[in-house]
Amino acid sequence: MKRSFARATGLIVMAVTLALTLPLLRAGGVRAVTATGVLGDPTGANPIEGEALLDELAAAVIHDVQTWRTTRTDAVREIPR
């Protein structure tokens, strides 16, 4: 029970932080909220998890583009190569 409460509390803090930070980001970019260019706390980051995250994101983008290319119904034609 303590773990789920801590997770819920963390999610609430993140949501409030984002609500406060997003308008500043939109108005002034990353420099408006951080001098280092880092958003969040990178303390627990490591290269293995970072690589796995990037692999997962890349796979998701590839999947979405492939899905879009096979399901689109507009009049876009392929450019011959």
Foldseek 3Di string as FASTA:
>chain_A
DVVVVVVVVVVVVVVVVCVVCVVQCVVPNQVSPDVVSDDDDCPPDDDVVVVVVVVVVVVVVVVVVVVCVVPDDDPDDDDDD
